[in-house]
Amino acid sequence: GIDDKQRSLNNLCMTAALGRSHEFELHFKGAIANG
């Protein structure tokens, strides 16, 4: 239903909202890897 770029951006929003900095950093790198 959605591509990996959108999943990455969704995860950034969710991890930021939850204050999960370690996960945010992993998914920020993942967002770059996903283009």
ModelCIF file with pLDDT and N, C-alpha, C, O atoms, coordinates in Angstrom:
data_MODEL
#
_entry.id   MODEL 
#
_entity.id                         1 
_entity.type                       polymer 
_entity.pdbx_number_of_molecules   1 
#
_entity_poly.entity_id                      1 
_entity_poly.type                           'polypeptide(L)' 
_entity_poly.nstd_linkage                   no 
_entity_poly.nstd_monomer                   no 
_entity_poly.pdbx_seq_one_letter_code       GIDDKQRSLNNLCMTAALGRSHEFELHFKGAIANG 
_entity_poly.pdbx_seq_one_letter_code_can   GIDDKQRSLNNLCMTAALGRSHEFELHFKGAIANG 
_entity_poly.pdbx_strand_id                 A 
#
loop_
_entity_poly_seq.entity_id 
_entity_poly_seq.num 
_entity_poly_seq.mon_id 
_entity_poly_seq.hetero 
1 1  GLY n 
1 2  ILE n 
1 3  ASP n 
1 4  ASP n 
1 5  LYS n 
1 6  GLN n 
1 7  ARG n 
1 8  SER n 
1 9  LEU n 
1 10 ASN n 
1 11 ASN n 
1 12 LEU n 
1 13 CYS n 
1 14 MET n 
1 15 THR n 
1 16 ALA n 
1 17 ALA n 
1 18 LEU n 
1 19 GLY n 
1 20 ARG n 
1 21 SER n 
1 22 HIS n 
1 23 GLU n 
1 24 PHE n 
1 25 GLU n 
1 26 LEU n 
1 27 HIS n 
1 28 PHE n 
1 29 LYS n 
1 30 GLY n 
1 31 ALA n 
1 32 ILE n 
1 33 ALA n 
1 34 ASN n 
1 35 GLY n 
#
_struct_asym.id          A 
_struct_asym.entity_id   1 
#
loop_
_ma_qa_metric.id 
_ma_qa_metric.mode 
_ma_qa_metric.name 
_ma_qa_metric.software_group_id 
_ma_qa_metric.type 
1 global pLDDT . pLDDT 
2 local  pLDDT . pLDDT 
#
_ma_qa_metric_global.metric_id      1 
_ma_qa_metric_global.metric_value   96.97 
_ma_qa_metric_global.model_id       1 
_ma_qa_metric_global.ordinal_id     1 
#
loop_
_ma_qa_metric_local.label_asym_id 
_ma_qa_metric_local.label_comp_id 
_ma_qa_metric_local.label_seq_id 
_ma_qa_metric_local.metric_id 
_ma_qa_metric_local.metric_value 
_ma_qa_metric_local.model_id 
_ma_qa_metric_local.ordinal_id 
A GLY 1  2 97.00 1 1  
A ILE 2  2 97.00 1 2  
A ASP 3  2 96.00 1 3  
A ASP 4  2 96.00 1 4  
A LYS 5  2 97.00 1 5  
A GLN 6  2 97.00 1 6  
A ARG 7  2 97.00 1 7  
A SER 8  2 97.00 1 8  
A LEU 9  2 98.00 1 9  
A ASN 10 2 98.00 1 10 
A ASN 11 2 97.00 1 11 
A LEU 12 2 98.00 1 12 
A CYS 13 2 98.00 1 13 
A MET 14 2 98.00 1 14 
A THR 15 2 98.00 1 15 
A ALA 16 2 98.00 1 16 
A ALA 17 2 97.00 1 17 
A LEU 18 2 97.00 1 18 
A GLY 19 2 97.00 1 19 
A ARG 20 2 98.00 1 20 
A SER 21 2 97.00 1 21 
A HIS 22 2 96.00 1 22 
A GLU 23 2 96.00 1 23 
A PHE 24 2 98.00 1 24 
A GLU 25 2 98.00 1 25 
A LEU 26 2 96.00 1 26 
A HIS 27 2 97.00 1 27 
A PHE 28 2 98.00 1 28 
A LYS 29 2 97.00 1 29 
A GLY 30 2 97.00 1 30 
A ALA 31 2 97.00 1 31 
A ILE 32 2 96.00 1 32 
A ALA 33 2 95.00 1 33 
A ASN 34 2 95.00 1 34 
A GLY 35 2 95.00 1 35 
#
loop_
_atom_site.group_PDB 
_atom_site.id 
_atom_site.type_symbol 
_atom_site.label_atom_id 
_atom_site.label_alt_id 
_atom_site.label_comp_id 
_atom_site.label_asym_id 
_atom_site.label_entity_id 
_atom_site.label_seq_id 
_atom_site.pdbx_PDB_ins_code 
_atom_site.Cartn_x 
_atom_site.Cartn_y 
_atom_site.Cartn_z 
_atom_site.occupancy 
_atom_site.B_iso_or_equiv 
_atom_site.pdbx_formal_charge 
_atom_site.auth_seq_id 
_atom_site.auth_comp_id 
_atom_site.auth_asym_id 
_atom_site.auth_atom_id 
_atom_site.pdbx_PDB_model_num 
ATOM 1   N N  . GLY A 1 1  ? 0.773  -1.240 0.000  1.00 97.00 ? 1  GLY A N  1 
ATOM 2   C CA . GLY A 1 1  ? 0.000  0.000  0.000  1.00 97.00 ? 1  GLY A CA 1 
ATOM 3   C C  . GLY A 1 1  ? 0.804  1.289  0.000  1.00 97.00 ? 1  GLY A C  1 
ATOM 4   O O  . GLY A 1 1  ? 0.369  2.283  -0.582 1.00 97.00 ? 1  GLY A O  1 
ATOM 5   N N  . ILE A 1 2  ? 1.961  1.296  0.636  1.00 97.00 ? 2  ILE A N  1 
ATOM 6   C CA . ILE A 1 2  ? 2.837  2.471  0.629  1.00 97.00 ? 2  ILE A CA 1 
ATOM 7   C C  . ILE A 1 2  ? 4.262  1.997  0.379  1.00 97.00 ? 2  ILE A C  1 
ATOM 8   O O  . ILE A 1 2  ? 4.602  0.843  0.640  1.00 97.00 ? 2  ILE A O  1 
ATOM 9   N N  . ASP A 1 3  ? 5.083  2.898  -0.129 1.00 96.00 ? 3  ASP A N  1 
ATOM 10  C CA . ASP A 1 3  ? 6.461  2.516  -0.420 1.00 96.00 ? 3  ASP A CA 1 
ATOM 11  C C  . ASP A 1 3  ? 7.343  2.699  0.817  1.00 96.00 ? 3  ASP A C  1 
ATOM 12  O O  . ASP A 1 3  ? 6.918  3.260  1.827  1.00 96.00 ? 3  ASP A O  1 
ATOM 13  N N  . ASP A 1 4  ? 8.562  2.218  0.711  1.00 96.00 ? 4  ASP A N  1 
ATOM 14  C CA . ASP A 1 4  ? 9.484  2.258  1.852  1.00 96.00 ? 4  ASP A CA 1 
ATOM 15  C C  . ASP A 1 4  ? 9.859  3.674  2.261  1.00 96.00 ? 4  ASP A C  1 
ATOM 16  O O  . ASP A 1 4  ? 10.115 3.931  3.438  1.00 96.00 ? 4  ASP A O  1 
ATOM 17  N N  . LYS A 1 5  ? 9.895  4.596  1.302  1.00 97.00 ? 5  LYS A N  1 
ATOM 18  C CA . LYS A 1 5  ? 10.171 5.993  1.656  1.00 97.00 ? 5  LYS A CA 1 
ATOM 19  C C  . LYS A 1 5  ? 9.087  6.504  2.605  1.00 97.00 ? 5  LYS A C  1 
ATOM 20  O O  . LYS A 1 5  ? 9.387  7.127  3.623  1.00 97.00 ? 5  LYS A O  1 
ATOM 21  N N  . GLN A 1 6  ? 7.828  6.236  2.261  1.00 97.00 ? 6  GLN A N  1 
ATOM 22  C CA . GLN A 1 6  ? 6.729  6.706  3.108  1.00 97.00 ? 6  GLN A CA 1 
ATOM 23  C C  . GLN A 1 6  ? 6.750  6.009  4.464  1.00 97.00 ? 6  GLN A C  1 
ATOM 24  O O  . GLN A 1 6  ? 6.496  6.639  5.491  1.00 97.00 ? 6  GLN A O  1 
ATOM 25  N N  . ARG A 1 7  ? 7.048  4.720  4.471  1.00 97.00 ? 7  ARG A N  1 
ATOM 26  C CA . ARG A 1 7  ? 7.153  3.999  5.757  1.00 97.00 ? 7  ARG A CA 1 
ATOM 27  C C  . ARG A 1 7  ? 8.226  4.641  6.632  1.00 97.00 ? 7  ARG A C  1 
ATOM 28  O O  . ARG A 1 7  ? 8.033  4.818  7.835  1.00 97.00 ? 7  ARG A O  1 
ATOM 29  N N  . SER A 1 8  ? 9.359  4.988  6.020  1.00 97.00 ? 8  SER A N  1 
ATOM 30  C CA . SER A 1 8  ? 10.441 5.620  6.777  1.00 97.00 ? 8  SER A CA 1 
ATOM 31  C C  . SER A 1 8  ? 9.993  6.954  7.363  1.00 97.00 ? 8  SER A C  1 
ATOM 32  O O  . SER A 1 8  ? 10.245 7.234  8.535  1.00 97.00 ? 8  SER A O  1 
ATOM 33  N N  . LEU A 1 9  ? 9.332  7.774  6.558  1.00 98.00 ? 9  LEU A N  1 
ATOM 34  C CA . LEU A 1 9  ? 8.874  9.072  7.049  1.00 98.00 ? 9  LEU A CA 1 
ATOM 35  C C  . LEU A 1 9  ? 7.829  8.893  8.156  1.00 98.00 ? 9  LEU A C  1 
ATOM 36  O O  . LEU A 1 9  ? 7.829  9.638  9.136  1.00 98.00 ? 9  LEU A O  1 
ATOM 37  N N  . ASN A 1 10 ? 6.948  7.912  8.001  1.00 98.00 ? 10 ASN A N  1 
ATOM 38  C CA . ASN A 1 10 ? 5.977  7.608  9.065  1.00 98.00 ? 10 ASN A CA 1 
ATOM 39  C C  . ASN A 1 10 ? 6.693  7.244  10.359 1.00 98.00 ? 10 ASN A C  1 
ATOM 40  O O  . ASN A 1 10 ? 6.329  7.715  11.437 1.00 98.00 ? 10 ASN A O  1 
ATOM 41  N N  . ASN A 1 11 ? 7.715  6.400  10.241 1.00 97.00 ? 11 ASN A N  1 
ATOM 42  C CA . ASN A 1 11 ? 8.445  5.976  11.436 1.00 97.00 ? 11 ASN A CA 1 
ATOM 43  C C  . ASN A 1 11 ? 9.147  7.144  12.114 1.00 97.00 ? 11 ASN A C  1 
ATOM 44  O O  . ASN A 1 11 ? 9.233  7.192  13.341 1.00 97.00 ? 11 ASN A O  1 
ATOM 45  N N  . LEU A 1 12 ? 9.648  8.086  11.322 1.00 98.00 ? 12 LEU A N  1 
ATOM 46  C CA . LEU A 1 12 ? 10.275 9.261  11.928 1.00 98.00 ? 12 LEU A CA 1 
ATOM 47  C C  . LEU A 1 12 ? 9.260  10.027 12.765 1.00 98.00 ? 12 LEU A C  1 
ATOM 48  O O  . LEU A 1 12 ? 9.557  10.440 13.886 1.00 98.00 ? 12 LEU A O  1 
ATOM 49  N N  . CYS A 1 13 ? 8.072  10.214 12.224 1.00 98.00 ? 13 CYS A N  1 
ATOM 50  C CA . CYS A 1 13 ? 7.031  10.925 12.980 1.00 98.00 ? 13 CYS A CA 1 
ATOM 51  C C  . CYS A 1 13 ? 6.675  10.185 14.264 1.00 98.00 ? 13 CYS A C  1 
ATOM 52  O O  . CYS A 1 13 ? 6.578  10.793 15.330 1.00 98.00 ? 13 CYS A O  1 
ATOM 53  N N  . MET A 1 14 ? 6.483  8.894  14.163 1.00 98.00 ? 14 MET A N  1 
ATOM 54  C CA . MET A 1 14 ? 6.067  8.120  15.338 1.00 98.00 ? 14 MET A CA 1 
ATOM 55  C C  . MET A 1 14 ? 7.155  8.048  16.406 1.00 98.00 ? 14 MET A C  1 
ATOM 56  O O  . MET A 1 14 ? 6.872  8.210  17.593 1.00 98.00 ? 14 MET A O  1 
ATOM 57  N N  . THR A 1 15 ? 8.395  7.806  15.990 1.00 98.00 ? 15 THR A N  1 
ATOM 58  C CA . THR A 1 15 ? 9.459  7.699  16.994 1.00 98.00 ? 15 THR A CA 1 
ATOM 59  C C  . THR A 1 15 ? 9.748  9.057  17.635 1.00 98.00 ? 15 THR A C  1 
ATOM 60  O O  . THR A 1 15 ? 10.082 9.128  18.817 1.00 98.00 ? 15 THR A O  1 
ATOM 61  N N  . ALA A 1 16 ? 9.620  10.133 16.857 1.00 98.00 ? 16 ALA A N  1 
ATOM 62  C CA . ALA A 1 16 ? 9.790  11.476 17.439 1.00 98.00 ? 16 ALA A CA 1 
ATOM 63  C C  . ALA A 1 16 ? 8.673  11.753 18.437 1.00 98.00 ? 16 ALA A C  1 
ATOM 64  O O  . ALA A 1 16 ? 8.931  12.260 19.528 1.00 98.00 ? 16 ALA A O  1 
ATOM 65  N N  . ALA A 1 17 ? 7.435  11.426 18.076 1.00 97.00 ? 17 ALA A N  1 
ATOM 66  C CA . ALA A 1 17 ? 6.296  11.672 18.965 1.00 97.00 ? 17 ALA A CA 1 
ATOM 67  C C  . ALA A 1 17 ? 6.434  10.897 20.273 1.00 97.00 ? 17 ALA A C  1 
ATOM 68  O O  . ALA A 1 17 ? 6.011  11.366 21.330 1.00 97.00 ? 17 ALA A O  1 
ATOM 69  N N  . LEU A 1 18 ? 7.024  9.719  20.193 1.00 97.00 ? 18 LEU A N  1 
ATOM 70  C CA . LEU A 1 18 ? 7.193  8.885  21.377 1.00 97.00 ? 18 LEU A CA 1 
ATOM 71  C C  . LEU A 1 18 ? 8.475  9.202  22.147 1.00 97.00 ? 18 LEU A C  1 
ATOM 72  O O  . LEU A 1 18 ? 8.711  8.649  23.221 1.00 97.00 ? 18 LEU A O  1 
ATOM 73  N N  . GLY A 1 19 ? 9.300  10.091 21.597 1.00 97.00 ? 19 GLY A N  1 
ATOM 74  C CA . GLY A 1 19 ? 10.550 10.435 22.271 1.00 97.00 ? 19 GLY A CA 1 
ATOM 75  C C  . GLY A 1 19 ? 11.565 9.308  22.254 1.00 97.00 ? 19 GLY A C  1 
ATOM 76  O O  . GLY A 1 19 ? 12.355 9.172  23.188 1.00 97.00 ? 19 GLY A O  1 
ATOM 77  N N  . ARG A 1 20 ? 11.555 8.506  21.215 1.00 98.00 ? 20 ARG A N  1 
ATOM 78  C CA . ARG A 1 20 ? 12.467 7.367  21.109 1.00 98.00 ? 20 ARG A CA 1 
ATOM 79  C C  . ARG A 1 20 ? 13.652 7.735  20.222 1.00 98.00 ? 20 ARG A C  1 
ATOM 80  O O  . ARG A 1 20 ? 13.715 7.336  19.059 1.00 98.00 ? 20 ARG A O  1 
ATOM 81  N N  . SER A 1 21 ? 14.583 8.494  20.776 1.00 97.00 ? 21 SER A N  1 
ATOM 82  C CA . SER A 1 21 ? 15.698 9.056  20.011 1.00 97.00 ? 21 SER A CA 1 
ATOM 83  C C  . SER A 1 21 ? 16.570 7.999  19.348 1.00 97.00 ? 21 SER A C  1 
ATOM 84  O O  . SER A 1 21 ? 17.004 8.180  18.211 1.00 97.00 ? 21 SER A O  1 
ATOM 85  N N  . HIS A 1 22 ? 16.832 6.899  20.045 1.00 96.00 ? 22 HIS A N  1 
ATOM 86  C CA . HIS A 1 22 ? 17.672 5.852  19.454 1.00 96.00 ? 22 HIS A CA 1 
ATOM 87  C C  . HIS A 1 22 ? 17.000 5.278  18.208 1.00 96.00 ? 22 HIS A C  1 
ATOM 88  O O  . HIS A 1 22 ? 17.639 5.132  17.167 1.00 96.00 ? 22 HIS A O  1 
ATOM 89  N N  . GLU A 1 23 ? 15.719 4.955  18.314 1.00 96.00 ? 23 GLU A N  1 
ATOM 90  C CA . GLU A 1 23 ? 14.979 4.425  17.171 1.00 96.00 ? 23 GLU A CA 1 
ATOM 91  C C  . GLU A 1 23 ? 14.851 5.474  16.072 1.00 96.00 ? 23 GLU A C  1 
ATOM 92  O O  . GLU A 1 23 ? 14.918 5.142  14.889 1.00 96.00 ? 23 GLU A O  1 
ATOM 93  N N  . PHE A 1 24 ? 14.666 6.747  16.455 1.00 98.00 ? 24 PHE A N  1 
ATOM 94  C CA . PHE A 1 24 ? 14.594 7.824  15.473 1.00 98.00 ? 24 PHE A CA 1 
ATOM 95  C C  . PHE A 1 24 ? 15.878 7.865  14.649 1.00 98.00 ? 24 PHE A C  1 
ATOM 96  O O  . PHE A 1 24 ? 15.833 7.969  13.423 1.00 98.00 ? 24 PHE A O  1 
ATOM 97  N N  . GLU A 1 25 ? 17.011 7.783  15.322 1.00 98.00 ? 25 GLU A N  1 
ATOM 98  C CA . GLU A 1 25 ? 18.293 7.823  14.614 1.00 98.00 ? 25 GLU A CA 1 
ATOM 99  C C  . GLU A 1 25 ? 18.433 6.653  13.641 1.00 98.00 ? 25 GLU A C  1 
ATOM 100 O O  . GLU A 1 25 ? 18.862 6.840  12.503 1.00 98.00 ? 25 GLU A O  1 
ATOM 101 N N  . LEU A 1 26 ? 18.074 5.448  14.085 1.00 96.00 ? 26 LEU A N  1 
ATOM 102 C CA . LEU A 1 26 ? 18.130 4.278  13.193 1.00 96.00 ? 26 LEU A CA 1 
ATOM 103 C C  . LEU A 1 26 ? 17.253 4.494  11.974 1.00 96.00 ? 26 LEU A C  1 
ATOM 104 O O  . LEU A 1 26 ? 17.664 4.213  10.848 1.00 96.00 ? 26 LEU A O  1 
ATOM 105 N N  . HIS A 1 27 ? 16.039 4.996  12.199 1.00 97.00 ? 27 HIS A N  1 
ATOM 106 C CA . HIS A 1 27 ? 15.106 5.168  11.092 1.00 97.00 ? 27 HIS A CA 1 
ATOM 107 C C  . HIS A 1 27 ? 15.440 6.389  10.235 1.00 97.00 ? 27 HIS A C  1 
ATOM 108 O O  . HIS A 1 27 ? 15.054 6.439  9.067  1.00 97.00 ? 27 HIS A O  1 
ATOM 109 N N  . PHE A 1 28 ? 16.147 7.371  10.788 1.00 98.00 ? 28 PHE A N  1 
ATOM 110 C CA . PHE A 1 28 ? 16.610 8.485  9.967  1.00 98.00 ? 28 PHE A CA 1 
ATOM 111 C C  . PHE A 1 28 ? 17.649 7.974  8.968  1.00 98.00 ? 28 PHE A C  1 
ATOM 112 O O  . PHE A 1 28 ? 17.614 8.325  7.788  1.00 98.00 ? 28 PHE A O  1 
ATOM 113 N N  . LYS A 1 29 ? 18.566 7.149  9.449  1.00 97.00 ? 29 LYS A N  1 
ATOM 114 C CA . LYS A 1 29 ? 19.542 6.530  8.552  1.00 97.00 ? 29 LYS A CA 1 
ATOM 115 C C  . LYS A 1 29 ? 18.824 5.654  7.530  1.00 97.00 ? 29 LYS A C  1 
ATOM 116 O O  . LYS A 1 29 ? 19.181 5.644  6.352  1.00 97.00 ? 29 LYS A O  1 
ATOM 117 N N  . GLY A 1 30 ? 17.809 4.919  7.986  1.00 97.00 ? 30 GLY A N  1 
ATOM 118 C CA . GLY A 1 30 ? 17.025 4.077  7.087  1.00 97.00 ? 30 GLY A CA 1 
ATOM 119 C C  . GLY A 1 30 ? 16.296 4.885  6.034  1.00 97.00 ? 30 GLY A C  1 
ATOM 120 O O  . GLY A 1 30 ? 16.194 4.453  4.886  1.00 97.00 ? 30 GLY A O  1 
ATOM 121 N N  . ALA A 1 31 ? 15.787 6.054  6.403  1.00 97.00 ? 31 ALA A N  1 
ATOM 122 C CA . ALA A 1 31 ? 15.098 6.917  5.442  1.00 97.00 ? 31 ALA A CA 1 
ATOM 123 C C  . ALA A 1 31 ? 16.055 7.365  4.345  1.00 97.00 ? 31 ALA A C  1 
ATOM 124 O O  . ALA A 1 31 ? 15.682 7.436  3.174  1.00 97.00 ? 31 ALA A O  1 
ATOM 125 N N  . ILE A 1 32 ? 17.282 7.663  4.729  1.00 96.00 ? 32 ILE A N  1 
ATOM 126 C CA . ILE A 1 32 ? 18.293 8.029  3.730  1.00 96.00 ? 32 ILE A CA 1 
ATOM 127 C C  . ILE A 1 32 ? 18.579 6.827  2.831  1.00 96.00 ? 32 ILE A C  1 
ATOM 128 O O  . ILE A 1 32 ? 18.652 6.962  1.609  1.00 96.00 ? 32 ILE A O  1 
ATOM 129 N N  . ALA A 1 33 ? 18.740 5.646  3.442  1.00 95.00 ? 33 ALA A N  1 
ATOM 130 C CA . ALA A 1 33 ? 18.984 4.429  2.665  1.00 95.00 ? 33 ALA A CA 1 
ATOM 131 C C  . ALA A 1 33 ? 17.820 4.129  1.722  1.00 95.00 ? 33 ALA A C  1 
ATOM 132 O O  . ALA A 1 33 ? 18.024 3.572  0.643  1.00 95.00 ? 33 ALA A O  1 
ATOM 133 N N  . ASN A 1 34 ? 16.608 4.494  2.120  1.00 95.00 ? 34 ASN A N  1 
ATOM 134 C CA . ASN A 1 34 ? 15.422 4.251  1.300  1.00 95.00 ? 34 ASN A CA 1 
ATOM 135 C C  . ASN A 1 34 ? 15.223 5.318  0.228  1.00 95.00 ? 34 ASN A C  1 
ATOM 136 O O  . ASN A 1 34 ? 14.255 5.251  -0.529 1.00 95.00 ? 34 ASN A O  1 
ATOM 137 N N  . GLY A 1 35 ? 16.114 6.293  0.152  1.00 95.00 ? 35 GLY A N  1 
ATOM 138 C CA . GLY A 1 35 ? 16.054 7.279  -0.913 1.00 95.00 ? 35 GLY A CA 1 
ATOM 139 C C  . GLY A 1 35 ? 15.243 8.525  -0.617 1.00 95.00 ? 35 GLY A C  1 
ATOM 140 O O  . GLY A 1 35 ? 15.141 9.410  -1.466 1.00 95.00 ? 35 GLY A O  1 
#
